Amino acid sequence: MRLHDGEVEATGWRVEKLSDVVRRLTAPQVTGRPLVVAVDGRGGAGKSTLVDRLTKVVPASAVVHTDDIAWNQAFFDWGALLAENVLQPLHRGEAVEFRPPAWAEHGRSGAIRVPAGADVVWVEGTGIIREELAAWIDASIWVQGDLDEQERRRVARDGDSAEQQRHVAAWLAEEVPFLLREQPWRKATVVVAGTTALRHDADTEIVTGAVGAAPA
């Protein structure tokens, strides 16, 4: 598996039932509010596909995409905005209806909404597992995948125009040092393979591994 320098490849990859992994993620006991589970990984790792599967296992769940917080805001400088307007209300057991300032400034309609009463809220996006937000996250997933495959998926999804290449270069200039500093692969409750050769039932099973803690 090809990874960026500094990222540690998970070991002990094995096939597990998706339902068992969900039980592990939702083990923390909370009352009066939903569990908040972060789903992190690089672009094209398979985060959105995984979240779609997770919501099928937990029907009473909702999804927040950090791309909606970051839209015309910043690649990664959105932690305080997310905490104050989404994560803290969720911890108070409140519904969320948040219209980021950049949405109003740039004419984007709608709002980020999470109804009250959800059992789990999956917060998906690159950079969600970070020290700044640790107090508001109950469990987390790092989706690890091969860089070549992630690039293929990105091009298939977004194209490969000169403008897109400039966007990716600007993104990576911030992503690589940010993730190297935060090392989300070490902090995650579960590491999931976004790219794997292990045979498994994509409807009911998932491939997981583990990354050791950082050296003292």
N, C-alpha and C. Protein backbone atom coordinates (compact mmCIF):
# COMPACT_ATOMS: atom_id res chain seq x y z
N MET A 1 0.86 -1.20 0.00
CA MET A 1 0.00 0.00 0.00
C MET A 1 0.89 1.24 0.00
N ARG A 2 0.66 2.14 -0.92
CA ARG A 2 1.46 3.38 -0.98
C ARG A 2 0.77 4.47 -0.16
N LEU A 3 1.51 5.01 0.79
CA LEU A 3 0.99 6.05 1.68
C LEU A 3 1.90 7.26 1.62
N HIS A 4 1.39 8.41 2.08
CA HIS A 4 2.26 9.58 2.22
C HIS A 4 3.32 9.30 3.27
N ASP A 5 4.50 9.92 3.11
CA ASP A 5 5.55 9.78 4.10
C ASP A 5 5.02 10.18 5.48
N GLY A 6 5.30 9.35 6.46
CA GLY A 6 4.89 9.65 7.84
C GLY A 6 3.64 8.94 8.27
N GLU A 7 2.79 8.51 7.31
CA GLU A 7 1.61 7.74 7.70
C GLU A 7 2.01 6.29 7.93
N VAL A 8 1.51 5.73 9.02
CA VAL A 8 1.86 4.36 9.39
C VAL A 8 0.80 3.41 8.85
N GLU A 9 1.24 2.39 8.13
CA GLU A 9 0.28 1.42 7.60
C GLU A 9 -0.25 0.53 8.72
N ALA A 10 -1.54 0.32 8.73
CA ALA A 10 -2.15 -0.57 9.71
C ALA A 10 -1.68 -1.99 9.46
N THR A 11 -1.71 -2.79 10.51
CA THR A 11 -1.36 -4.19 10.41
C THR A 11 -2.51 -5.04 10.94
N GLY A 12 -2.37 -6.35 10.78
CA GLY A 12 -3.40 -7.25 11.30
C GLY A 12 -4.73 -7.12 10.59
N TRP A 13 -4.69 -6.81 9.30
CA TRP A 13 -5.94 -6.65 8.55
C TRP A 13 -6.77 -7.93 8.65
N ARG A 14 -8.05 -7.78 8.90
CA ARG A 14 -8.94 -8.94 9.01
C ARG A 14 -10.34 -8.55 8.58
N VAL A 15 -11.11 -9.52 8.21
CA VAL A 15 -12.50 -9.31 7.82
C VAL A 15 -13.38 -9.42 9.06
N GLU A 16 -14.23 -8.42 9.26
CA GLU A 16 -15.17 -8.43 10.38
C GLU A 16 -16.58 -8.16 9.85
N LYS A 17 -17.56 -8.55 10.62
CA LYS A 17 -18.93 -8.17 10.30
C LYS A 17 -19.08 -6.67 10.55
N LEU A 18 -19.71 -6.00 9.61
CA LEU A 18 -19.93 -4.56 9.76
C LEU A 18 -20.73 -4.28 11.04
N SER A 19 -21.70 -5.14 11.34
CA SER A 19 -22.52 -4.94 12.54
C SER A 19 -21.67 -5.00 13.80
N ASP A 20 -20.63 -5.85 13.83
CA ASP A 20 -19.76 -5.94 15.01
C ASP A 20 -18.93 -4.67 15.17
N VAL A 21 -18.46 -4.13 14.06
CA VAL A 21 -17.68 -2.89 14.11
C VAL A 21 -18.56 -1.75 14.59
N VAL A 22 -19.79 -1.69 14.11
CA VAL A 22 -20.71 -0.64 14.56
C VAL A 22 -20.96 -0.76 16.06
N ARG A 23 -21.10 -1.98 16.56
CA ARG A 23 -21.30 -2.15 18.01
C ARG A 23 -20.11 -1.63 18.79
N ARG A 24 -18.90 -1.84 18.26
CA ARG A 24 -17.71 -1.35 18.93
C ARG A 24 -17.67 0.18 18.93
N LEU A 25 -18.06 0.77 17.82
CA LEU A 25 -18.05 2.23 17.71
C LEU A 25 -19.11 2.88 18.59
N THR A 26 -20.22 2.18 18.77
CA THR A 26 -21.34 2.77 19.52
C THR A 26 -21.38 2.27 20.96
N ALA A 27 -20.28 1.70 21.43
CA ALA A 27 -20.22 1.20 22.81
C ALA A 27 -20.30 2.30 23.86
N PRO A 28 -19.74 3.50 23.64
CA PRO A 28 -19.83 4.53 24.68
C PRO A 28 -21.29 4.82 25.06
N GLN A 29 -21.53 4.91 26.36
CA GLN A 29 -22.89 5.14 26.86
C GLN A 29 -23.11 6.64 27.06
N VAL A 30 -24.11 7.18 26.41
CA VAL A 30 -24.47 8.58 26.59
C VAL A 30 -25.98 8.66 26.79
N THR A 31 -26.41 9.71 27.42
CA THR A 31 -27.85 9.92 27.62
C THR A 31 -28.21 11.32 27.19
N GLY A 32 -29.39 11.44 26.59
CA GLY A 32 -29.92 12.75 26.24
C GLY A 32 -29.31 13.36 25.00
N ARG A 33 -28.49 12.61 24.29
CA ARG A 33 -27.87 13.14 23.06
C ARG A 33 -27.42 11.98 22.20
N PRO A 34 -27.13 12.25 20.92
CA PRO A 34 -26.61 11.19 20.05
C PRO A 34 -25.13 10.94 20.30
N LEU A 35 -24.68 9.75 19.97
CA LEU A 35 -23.25 9.49 19.87
C LEU A 35 -22.71 10.24 18.66
N VAL A 36 -21.51 10.75 18.79
CA VAL A 36 -20.87 11.46 17.68
C VAL A 36 -19.64 10.65 17.26
N VAL A 37 -19.66 10.15 16.02
CA VAL A 37 -18.59 9.30 15.51
C VAL A 37 -17.95 9.98 14.30
N ALA A 38 -16.64 10.18 14.36
CA ALA A 38 -15.90 10.82 13.29
C ALA A 38 -15.44 9.78 12.27
N VAL A 39 -15.52 10.13 10.98
CA VAL A 39 -15.04 9.26 9.91
C VAL A 39 -14.05 10.07 9.08
N ASP A 40 -12.77 9.74 9.20
CA ASP A 40 -11.69 10.52 8.60
C ASP A 40 -10.96 9.67 7.57
N GLY A 41 -10.21 10.33 6.70
CA GLY A 41 -9.42 9.65 5.69
C GLY A 41 -9.10 10.64 4.58
N ARG A 42 -8.14 10.31 3.77
CA ARG A 42 -7.77 11.22 2.68
C ARG A 42 -8.83 11.20 1.58
N GLY A 43 -8.74 12.19 0.70
CA GLY A 43 -9.69 12.27 -0.40
C GLY A 43 -9.63 11.01 -1.27
N GLY A 44 -10.79 10.43 -1.53
CA GLY A 44 -10.85 9.23 -2.35
C GLY A 44 -10.62 7.95 -1.58
N ALA A 45 -10.48 8.03 -0.25
CA ALA A 45 -10.22 6.83 0.55
C ALA A 45 -11.44 5.93 0.65
N GLY A 46 -12.64 6.51 0.53
CA GLY A 46 -13.86 5.72 0.64
C GLY A 46 -14.72 6.09 1.83
N LYS A 47 -14.52 7.29 2.36
CA LYS A 47 -15.27 7.74 3.55
C LYS A 47 -16.77 7.80 3.29
N SER A 48 -17.17 8.43 2.22
CA SER A 48 -18.61 8.60 1.94
C SER A 48 -19.29 7.26 1.71
N THR A 49 -18.61 6.36 0.99
CA THR A 49 -19.17 5.03 0.77
C THR A 49 -19.35 4.30 2.08
N LEU A 50 -18.36 4.41 2.96
CA LEU A 50 -18.45 3.76 4.27
C LEU A 50 -19.60 4.34 5.09
N VAL A 51 -19.74 5.65 5.09
CA VAL A 51 -20.82 6.28 5.86
C VAL A 51 -22.18 5.82 5.35
N ASP A 52 -22.33 5.68 4.04
CA ASP A 52 -23.58 5.16 3.50
C ASP A 52 -23.89 3.78 4.08
N ARG A 53 -22.88 2.95 4.20
CA ARG A 53 -23.08 1.61 4.77
C ARG A 53 -23.42 1.70 6.25
N LEU A 54 -22.76 2.59 6.97
CA LEU A 54 -23.00 2.71 8.41
C LEU A 54 -24.43 3.18 8.70
N THR A 55 -24.93 4.09 7.88
CA THR A 55 -26.29 4.58 8.13
C THR A 55 -27.35 3.51 7.87
N LYS A 56 -27.00 2.53 7.06
CA LYS A 56 -27.94 1.42 6.84
C LYS A 56 -27.99 0.51 8.07
N VAL A 57 -26.87 0.39 8.77
CA VAL A 57 -26.83 -0.42 9.99
C VAL A 57 -27.52 0.30 11.14
N VAL A 58 -27.39 1.63 11.17
CA VAL A 58 -28.01 2.45 12.23
C VAL A 58 -29.00 3.39 11.55
N PRO A 59 -30.22 2.96 11.30
CA PRO A 59 -31.16 3.81 10.57
C PRO A 59 -31.45 5.14 11.27
N ALA A 60 -31.46 5.15 12.60
CA ALA A 60 -31.74 6.39 13.34
C ALA A 60 -30.45 7.18 13.49
N SER A 61 -29.83 7.51 12.35
CA SER A 61 -28.58 8.26 12.39
C SER A 61 -28.63 9.39 11.37
N ALA A 62 -27.70 10.32 11.52
CA ALA A 62 -27.60 11.47 10.63
C ALA A 62 -26.14 11.66 10.25
N VAL A 63 -25.91 12.42 9.19
CA VAL A 63 -24.55 12.62 8.68
C VAL A 63 -24.28 14.11 8.55
N VAL A 64 -23.09 14.52 9.00
CA VAL A 64 -22.59 15.87 8.77
C VAL A 64 -21.29 15.74 7.97
N HIS A 65 -21.19 16.48 6.87
CA HIS A 65 -20.00 16.46 6.03
C HIS A 65 -19.16 17.71 6.31
N THR A 66 -17.89 17.52 6.67
CA THR A 66 -17.07 18.70 6.95
C THR A 66 -16.84 19.54 5.70
N ASP A 67 -16.98 18.95 4.51
CA ASP A 67 -16.87 19.75 3.29
C ASP A 67 -17.90 20.87 3.27
N ASP A 68 -19.06 20.65 3.91
CA ASP A 68 -20.07 21.70 3.96
C ASP A 68 -19.66 22.83 4.92
N ILE A 69 -18.95 22.47 5.99
CA ILE A 69 -18.43 23.50 6.89
C ILE A 69 -17.30 24.26 6.20
N ALA A 70 -16.46 23.53 5.47
CA ALA A 70 -15.27 24.13 4.85
C ALA A 70 -15.57 24.90 3.57
N TRP A 71 -16.75 24.74 3.01
CA TRP A 71 -17.08 25.33 1.71
C TRP A 71 -16.82 26.84 1.71
N ASN A 72 -15.88 27.27 0.88
CA ASN A 72 -15.48 28.68 0.79
C ASN A 72 -15.04 29.25 2.13
N GLN A 73 -14.64 28.37 3.05
CA GLN A 73 -14.14 28.81 4.36
C GLN A 73 -12.63 28.60 4.41
N ALA A 74 -12.20 27.36 4.43
CA ALA A 74 -10.78 27.01 4.45
C ALA A 74 -10.67 25.52 4.27
N PHE A 75 -9.51 25.04 3.85
CA PHE A 75 -9.34 23.60 3.72
C PHE A 75 -9.44 22.91 5.08
N PHE A 76 -8.77 23.46 6.10
CA PHE A 76 -8.74 22.79 7.39
C PHE A 76 -9.04 23.71 8.58
N ASP A 77 -9.08 24.99 8.39
CA ASP A 77 -9.29 25.91 9.51
C ASP A 77 -10.79 26.14 9.74
N TRP A 78 -11.48 25.07 10.17
CA TRP A 78 -12.92 25.16 10.41
C TRP A 78 -13.33 24.47 11.71
N GLY A 79 -12.34 24.06 12.51
CA GLY A 79 -12.64 23.30 13.72
C GLY A 79 -13.53 24.04 14.70
N ALA A 80 -13.22 25.30 14.96
CA ALA A 80 -14.01 26.08 15.92
C ALA A 80 -15.43 26.29 15.41
N LEU A 81 -15.57 26.50 14.12
CA LEU A 81 -16.89 26.70 13.52
C LEU A 81 -17.74 25.44 13.69
N LEU A 82 -17.15 24.28 13.44
CA LEU A 82 -17.86 23.02 13.59
C LEU A 82 -18.22 22.75 15.05
N ALA A 83 -17.27 22.97 15.94
CA ALA A 83 -17.51 22.70 17.37
C ALA A 83 -18.63 23.57 17.91
N GLU A 84 -18.58 24.85 17.64
CA GLU A 84 -19.55 25.78 18.23
C GLU A 84 -20.96 25.60 17.67
N ASN A 85 -21.05 25.32 16.39
CA ASN A 85 -22.36 25.35 15.74
C ASN A 85 -22.98 23.98 15.47
N VAL A 86 -22.18 22.92 15.58
CA VAL A 86 -22.70 21.58 15.32
C VAL A 86 -22.45 20.65 16.51
N LEU A 87 -21.20 20.47 16.89
CA LEU A 87 -20.88 19.47 17.90
C LEU A 87 -21.39 19.84 19.29
N GLN A 88 -21.25 21.07 19.67
CA GLN A 88 -21.73 21.48 21.00
C GLN A 88 -23.26 21.40 21.11
N PRO A 89 -24.02 21.88 20.12
CA PRO A 89 -25.47 21.66 20.18
C PRO A 89 -25.85 20.19 20.24
N LEU A 90 -25.14 19.32 19.51
CA LEU A 90 -25.42 17.89 19.58
C LEU A 90 -25.20 17.37 20.99
N HIS A 91 -24.15 17.83 21.64
CA HIS A 91 -23.88 17.39 23.01
C HIS A 91 -24.92 17.91 24.00
N ARG A 92 -25.59 18.96 23.64
CA ARG A 92 -26.69 19.44 24.50
C ARG A 92 -28.01 18.75 24.17
N GLY A 93 -28.00 17.84 23.21
CA GLY A 93 -29.20 17.14 22.82
C GLY A 93 -30.12 17.96 21.94
N GLU A 94 -29.59 18.99 21.30
CA GLU A 94 -30.39 19.90 20.49
C GLU A 94 -30.33 19.51 19.00
N ALA A 95 -31.35 19.89 18.27
CA ALA A 95 -31.29 19.80 16.82
C ALA A 95 -30.30 20.85 16.31
N VAL A 96 -29.76 20.59 15.13
CA VAL A 96 -28.81 21.53 14.51
C VAL A 96 -29.43 22.10 13.26
N GLU A 97 -29.36 23.40 13.15
CA GLU A 97 -29.67 24.09 11.89
C GLU A 97 -28.68 25.23 11.76
N PHE A 98 -27.65 25.00 10.98
CA PHE A 98 -26.53 25.93 10.90
C PHE A 98 -26.28 26.33 9.46
N ARG A 99 -26.29 27.61 9.24
CA ARG A 99 -25.97 28.17 7.93
C ARG A 99 -24.61 28.86 8.04
N PRO A 100 -23.54 28.22 7.56
CA PRO A 100 -22.21 28.83 7.70
C PRO A 100 -22.15 30.21 7.06
N PRO A 101 -21.34 31.08 7.63
CA PRO A 101 -21.23 32.44 7.08
C PRO A 101 -20.89 32.48 5.59
N ALA A 102 -20.03 31.56 5.14
CA ALA A 102 -19.64 31.57 3.72
C ALA A 102 -20.81 31.22 2.81
N TRP A 103 -21.79 30.46 3.33
CA TRP A 103 -22.96 30.15 2.51
C TRP A 103 -23.74 31.43 2.20
N ALA A 104 -23.92 32.25 3.22
CA ALA A 104 -24.63 33.51 3.01
C ALA A 104 -23.83 34.44 2.10
N GLU A 105 -22.53 34.50 2.33
CA GLU A 105 -21.68 35.41 1.55
C GLU A 105 -21.65 35.05 0.07
N HIS A 106 -21.76 33.76 -0.24
CA HIS A 106 -21.63 33.31 -1.62
C HIS A 106 -22.94 32.82 -2.22
N GLY A 107 -24.04 33.05 -1.52
CA GLY A 107 -25.36 32.76 -2.09
C GLY A 107 -25.74 31.30 -2.13
N ARG A 108 -25.17 30.48 -1.27
CA ARG A 108 -25.56 29.07 -1.22
C ARG A 108 -26.81 28.94 -0.35
N SER A 109 -27.81 28.28 -0.86
CA SER A 109 -29.07 28.16 -0.12
C SER A 109 -29.01 27.01 0.87
N GLY A 110 -30.00 26.94 1.76
CA GLY A 110 -30.13 25.83 2.68
C GLY A 110 -29.31 26.01 3.95
N ALA A 111 -29.14 24.90 4.67
CA ALA A 111 -28.41 24.90 5.93
C ALA A 111 -27.97 23.48 6.24
N ILE A 112 -27.06 23.35 7.17
CA ILE A 112 -26.64 22.05 7.69
C ILE A 112 -27.62 21.69 8.81
N ARG A 113 -28.33 20.59 8.63
CA ARG A 113 -29.39 20.23 9.57
C ARG A 113 -29.19 18.83 10.13
N VAL A 114 -29.40 18.71 11.44
CA VAL A 114 -29.44 17.40 12.10
C VAL A 114 -30.66 17.42 13.01
N PRO A 115 -31.63 16.55 12.79
CA PRO A 115 -32.82 16.55 13.64
C PRO A 115 -32.50 16.03 15.04
N ALA A 116 -33.28 16.47 15.99
CA ALA A 116 -33.15 15.94 17.35
C ALA A 116 -33.60 14.47 17.35
N GLY A 117 -33.03 13.70 18.26
CA GLY A 117 -33.48 12.32 18.42
C GLY A 117 -32.68 11.28 17.68
N ALA A 118 -31.63 11.66 16.96
CA ALA A 118 -30.79 10.67 16.27
C ALA A 118 -30.01 9.85 17.30
N ASP A 119 -29.80 8.57 17.00
CA ASP A 119 -28.98 7.73 17.87
C ASP A 119 -27.49 8.00 17.66
N VAL A 120 -27.10 8.18 16.40
CA VAL A 120 -25.70 8.41 16.06
C VAL A 120 -25.63 9.52 15.01
N VAL A 121 -24.64 10.40 15.15
CA VAL A 121 -24.32 11.37 14.10
C VAL A 121 -22.91 11.05 13.62
N TRP A 122 -22.82 10.71 12.34
CA TRP A 122 -21.53 10.43 11.70
C TRP A 122 -21.02 11.74 11.12
N VAL A 123 -19.84 12.18 11.55
CA VAL A 123 -19.25 13.42 11.04
C VAL A 123 -18.09 13.01 10.14
N GLU A 124 -18.27 13.23 8.83
CA GLU A 124 -17.37 12.68 7.82
C GLU A 124 -16.55 13.77 7.15
N GLY A 125 -15.24 13.55 7.06
CA GLY A 125 -14.43 14.48 6.30
C GLY A 125 -12.97 14.41 6.69
N THR A 126 -12.09 14.76 5.76
CA THR A 126 -10.66 14.78 6.04
C THR A 126 -10.35 15.84 7.08
N GLY A 127 -9.71 15.42 8.17
CA GLY A 127 -9.31 16.36 9.21
C GLY A 127 -10.23 16.41 10.41
N ILE A 128 -11.25 15.54 10.46
CA ILE A 128 -12.20 15.59 11.58
C ILE A 128 -11.58 14.99 12.85
N ILE A 129 -10.67 14.01 12.72
CA ILE A 129 -9.99 13.49 13.91
C ILE A 129 -8.81 14.40 14.20
N ARG A 130 -9.02 15.32 15.10
CA ARG A 130 -7.98 16.28 15.47
C ARG A 130 -8.08 16.59 16.96
N GLU A 131 -6.98 16.96 17.55
CA GLU A 131 -6.94 17.22 19.00
C GLU A 131 -7.94 18.29 19.40
N GLU A 132 -8.10 19.29 18.56
CA GLU A 132 -9.00 20.41 18.83
C GLU A 132 -10.44 19.96 19.07
N LEU A 133 -10.84 18.85 18.47
CA LEU A 133 -12.23 18.41 18.54
C LEU A 133 -12.41 17.14 19.37
N ALA A 134 -11.35 16.67 20.00
CA ALA A 134 -11.39 15.38 20.69
C ALA A 134 -12.47 15.33 21.77
N ALA A 135 -12.72 16.44 22.44
CA ALA A 135 -13.69 16.45 23.54
C ALA A 135 -15.11 16.21 23.05
N TRP A 136 -15.36 16.42 21.76
CA TRP A 136 -16.73 16.34 21.23
C TRP A 136 -16.98 15.07 20.42
N ILE A 137 -15.96 14.21 20.31
CA ILE A 137 -16.05 13.00 19.49
C ILE A 137 -16.04 11.77 20.42
N ASP A 138 -17.03 10.89 20.25
CA ASP A 138 -17.13 9.70 21.11
C ASP A 138 -16.34 8.51 20.58
N ALA A 139 -16.23 8.38 19.27
CA ALA A 139 -15.49 7.28 18.64
C ALA A 139 -15.11 7.73 17.24
N SER A 140 -14.20 7.00 16.60
CA SER A 140 -13.71 7.48 15.31
C SER A 140 -13.21 6.34 14.44
N ILE A 141 -13.20 6.62 13.14
CA ILE A 141 -12.71 5.70 12.11
C ILE A 141 -11.68 6.43 11.25
N TRP A 142 -10.56 5.78 11.00
CA TRP A 142 -9.64 6.25 9.98
C TRP A 142 -9.73 5.29 8.80
N VAL A 143 -10.04 5.81 7.61
CA VAL A 143 -10.11 4.99 6.40
C VAL A 143 -8.77 5.12 5.68
N GLN A 144 -8.05 4.01 5.64
CA GLN A 144 -6.70 4.02 5.04
C GLN A 144 -6.74 3.33 3.69
N GLY A 145 -6.15 3.98 2.70
CA GLY A 145 -6.16 3.41 1.36
C GLY A 145 -4.90 3.74 0.59
N ASP A 146 -4.71 3.06 -0.49
CA ASP A 146 -3.56 3.25 -1.36
C ASP A 146 -3.68 4.57 -2.12
N LEU A 147 -2.62 5.35 -2.13
CA LEU A 147 -2.66 6.67 -2.77
C LEU A 147 -2.96 6.58 -4.26
N ASP A 148 -2.44 5.58 -4.93
CA ASP A 148 -2.69 5.46 -6.37
C ASP A 148 -4.18 5.22 -6.64
N GLU A 149 -4.79 4.36 -5.84
CA GLU A 149 -6.22 4.09 -6.01
C GLU A 149 -7.05 5.32 -5.65
N GLN A 150 -6.64 6.03 -4.60
CA GLN A 150 -7.36 7.25 -4.22
C GLN A 150 -7.28 8.30 -5.31
N GLU A 151 -6.13 8.41 -5.96
CA GLU A 151 -5.99 9.36 -7.06
C GLU A 151 -6.87 8.95 -8.24
N ARG A 152 -6.94 7.66 -8.53
CA ARG A 152 -7.80 7.19 -9.62
C ARG A 152 -9.26 7.55 -9.34
N ARG A 153 -9.70 7.33 -8.09
CA ARG A 153 -11.08 7.66 -7.72
C ARG A 153 -11.33 9.15 -7.82
N ARG A 154 -10.35 9.94 -7.39
CA ARG A 154 -10.52 11.40 -7.42
C ARG A 154 -10.69 11.89 -8.85
N VAL A 155 -9.85 11.38 -9.76
CA VAL A 155 -9.93 11.81 -11.16
C VAL A 155 -11.26 11.38 -11.76
N ALA A 156 -11.70 10.15 -11.45
CA ALA A 156 -12.99 9.68 -11.96
C ALA A 156 -14.13 10.55 -11.47
N ARG A 157 -14.01 11.06 -10.24
CA ARG A 157 -15.08 11.86 -9.64
C ARG A 157 -15.02 13.33 -10.07
N ASP A 158 -13.79 13.91 -10.07
CA ASP A 158 -13.66 15.36 -10.23
C ASP A 158 -13.01 15.78 -11.54
N GLY A 159 -12.51 14.83 -12.32
CA GLY A 159 -11.80 15.20 -13.53
C GLY A 159 -10.34 15.55 -13.25
N ASP A 160 -9.62 15.89 -14.29
CA ASP A 160 -8.18 16.16 -14.14
C ASP A 160 -7.78 17.39 -14.95
N SER A 161 -8.62 18.40 -14.93
CA SER A 161 -8.32 19.65 -15.64
C SER A 161 -7.16 20.37 -14.95
N ALA A 162 -6.60 21.35 -15.62
CA ALA A 162 -5.51 22.14 -15.04
C ALA A 162 -5.98 22.83 -13.77
N GLU A 163 -7.21 23.31 -13.77
CA GLU A 163 -7.75 23.97 -12.57
C GLU A 163 -7.87 22.98 -11.41
N GLN A 164 -8.32 21.76 -11.73
CA GLN A 164 -8.45 20.74 -10.68
C GLN A 164 -7.08 20.34 -10.15
N GLN A 165 -6.10 20.25 -11.02
CA GLN A 165 -4.74 19.91 -10.57
C GLN A 165 -4.20 20.99 -9.63
N ARG A 166 -4.48 22.26 -9.92
CA ARG A 166 -4.04 23.35 -9.03
C ARG A 166 -4.74 23.24 -7.68
N HIS A 167 -6.02 22.90 -7.72
CA HIS A 167 -6.78 22.74 -6.46
C HIS A 167 -6.19 21.61 -5.63
N VAL A 168 -5.89 20.48 -6.25
CA VAL A 168 -5.34 19.34 -5.52
C VAL A 168 -3.97 19.68 -4.94
N ALA A 169 -3.15 20.38 -5.70
CA ALA A 169 -1.82 20.77 -5.20
C ALA A 169 -1.95 21.68 -3.99
N ALA A 170 -2.87 22.64 -4.05
CA ALA A 170 -3.08 23.54 -2.91
C ALA A 170 -3.61 22.78 -1.71
N TRP A 171 -4.53 21.82 -1.95
CA TRP A 171 -5.08 21.00 -0.87
C TRP A 171 -3.97 20.18 -0.20
N LEU A 172 -3.16 19.49 -1.01
CA LEU A 172 -2.12 18.64 -0.44
C LEU A 172 -1.07 19.44 0.32
N ALA A 173 -0.83 20.68 -0.11
CA ALA A 173 0.13 21.52 0.60
C ALA A 173 -0.29 21.77 2.04
N GLU A 174 -1.61 21.71 2.31
CA GLU A 174 -2.11 21.85 3.68
C GLU A 174 -2.41 20.50 4.32
N GLU A 175 -2.94 19.56 3.53
CA GLU A 175 -3.34 18.26 4.09
C GLU A 175 -2.16 17.48 4.65
N VAL A 176 -1.08 17.38 3.89
CA VAL A 176 0.03 16.53 4.28
C VAL A 176 0.62 16.94 5.63
N PRO A 177 0.99 18.21 5.85
CA PRO A 177 1.52 18.58 7.17
C PRO A 177 0.47 18.52 8.27
N PHE A 178 -0.79 18.83 7.94
CA PHE A 178 -1.85 18.78 8.96
C PHE A 178 -2.02 17.36 9.48
N LEU A 179 -2.15 16.39 8.58
CA LEU A 179 -2.36 15.01 9.01
C LEU A 179 -1.11 14.43 9.66
N LEU A 180 0.05 14.84 9.21
CA LEU A 180 1.28 14.36 9.84
C LEU A 180 1.37 14.86 11.28
N ARG A 181 0.90 16.07 11.51
CA ARG A 181 0.90 16.61 12.87
C ARG A 181 -0.14 15.92 13.75
N GLU A 182 -1.34 15.70 13.22
CA GLU A 182 -2.43 15.13 14.02
C GLU A 182 -2.37 13.60 14.13
N GLN A 183 -1.83 12.94 13.11
CA GLN A 183 -1.73 11.47 13.06
C GLN A 183 -3.04 10.78 13.45
N PRO A 184 -4.10 11.04 12.70
CA PRO A 184 -5.41 10.46 13.04
C PRO A 184 -5.43 8.95 12.99
N TRP A 185 -4.56 8.34 12.19
CA TRP A 185 -4.50 6.87 12.10
C TRP A 185 -4.11 6.25 13.44
N ARG A 186 -3.40 6.99 14.28
CA ARG A 186 -3.04 6.48 15.61
C ARG A 186 -4.15 6.70 16.63
N LYS A 187 -5.01 7.69 16.41
CA LYS A 187 -6.02 8.07 17.39
C LYS A 187 -7.35 7.35 17.18
N ALA A 188 -7.56 6.79 15.99
CA ALA A 188 -8.87 6.25 15.63
C ALA A 188 -9.24 5.03 16.46
N THR A 189 -10.51 4.93 16.77
CA THR A 189 -11.04 3.74 17.44
C THR A 189 -10.89 2.52 16.55
N VAL A 190 -11.16 2.70 15.25
CA VAL A 190 -11.09 1.62 14.27
C VAL A 190 -10.39 2.15 13.02
N VAL A 191 -9.50 1.34 12.45
CA VAL A 191 -8.91 1.65 11.14
C VAL A 191 -9.56 0.71 10.12
N VAL A 192 -10.11 1.29 9.07
CA VAL A 192 -10.81 0.53 8.03
C VAL A 192 -10.02 0.62 6.73
N ALA A 193 -9.95 -0.48 6.01
CA ALA A 193 -9.27 -0.49 4.72
C ALA A 193 -10.18 0.08 3.64
N GLY A 194 -9.76 1.19 3.05
CA GLY A 194 -10.48 1.72 1.91
C GLY A 194 -10.05 1.03 0.62
N THR A 195 -8.88 0.40 0.66
CA THR A 195 -8.35 -0.36 -0.46
C THR A 195 -7.87 -1.69 0.10
N THR A 196 -8.36 -2.79 -0.40
CA THR A 196 -7.96 -4.09 0.14
C THR A 196 -8.09 -5.19 -0.90
N ALA A 197 -7.21 -6.19 -0.76
CA ALA A 197 -7.31 -7.37 -1.62
C ALA A 197 -7.97 -8.52 -0.88
N LEU A 198 -8.30 -8.33 0.39
CA LEU A 198 -8.95 -9.39 1.15
C LEU A 198 -10.38 -9.59 0.66
N ARG A 199 -10.74 -10.81 0.39
CA ARG A 199 -12.10 -11.09 -0.08
C ARG A 199 -13.07 -10.93 1.08
N HIS A 200 -14.16 -10.23 0.83
CA HIS A 200 -15.19 -10.05 1.84
C HIS A 200 -16.50 -9.68 1.16
N ASP A 201 -17.59 -9.83 1.88
CA ASP A 201 -18.92 -9.46 1.39
C ASP A 201 -19.11 -7.97 1.63
N ALA A 202 -19.13 -7.20 0.55
CA ALA A 202 -19.20 -5.74 0.67
C ALA A 202 -20.49 -5.26 1.32
N ASP A 203 -21.51 -6.10 1.36
CA ASP A 203 -22.77 -5.69 1.97
C ASP A 203 -22.77 -5.88 3.49
N THR A 204 -22.06 -6.88 3.98
CA THR A 204 -22.17 -7.22 5.40
C THR A 204 -20.84 -7.23 6.14
N GLU A 205 -19.73 -7.15 5.42
CA GLU A 205 -18.43 -7.27 6.07
C GLU A 205 -17.55 -6.06 5.75
N ILE A 206 -16.48 -5.93 6.53
CA ILE A 206 -15.57 -4.81 6.39
C ILE A 206 -14.18 -5.29 6.79
N VAL A 207 -13.13 -4.67 6.26
CA VAL A 207 -11.77 -5.05 6.58
C VAL A 207 -11.17 -4.02 7.53
N THR A 208 -10.70 -4.48 8.68
CA THR A 208 -10.16 -3.57 9.69
C THR A 208 -8.74 -3.95 10.06
N GLY A 209 -8.00 -3.00 10.60
CA GLY A 209 -6.64 -3.23 11.07
C GLY A 209 -6.38 -2.37 12.29
N ALA A 210 -5.12 -2.20 12.62
CA ALA A 210 -4.78 -1.41 13.80
C ALA A 210 -3.43 -0.73 13.57
N VAL A 211 -3.28 0.46 14.14
CA VAL A 211 -2.03 1.20 14.13
C VAL A 211 -1.65 1.44 15.58
N GLY A 212 -0.41 1.17 15.92
CA GLY A 212 0.04 1.36 17.30
C GLY A 212 0.12 2.83 17.68
N ALA A 213 0.18 3.08 18.96
CA ALA A 213 0.32 4.44 19.47
C ALA A 213 1.67 5.00 19.08
N ALA A 214 1.78 6.33 19.04
CA ALA A 214 3.04 6.97 18.70
C ALA A 214 4.09 6.65 19.76
N PRO A 215 5.35 6.53 19.36
CA PRO A 215 6.41 6.26 20.34
C PRO A 215 6.47 7.36 21.39
N ALA A 216 6.79 6.98 22.62
CA ALA A 216 6.89 7.97 23.71
C ALA A 216 8.10 8.86 23.51
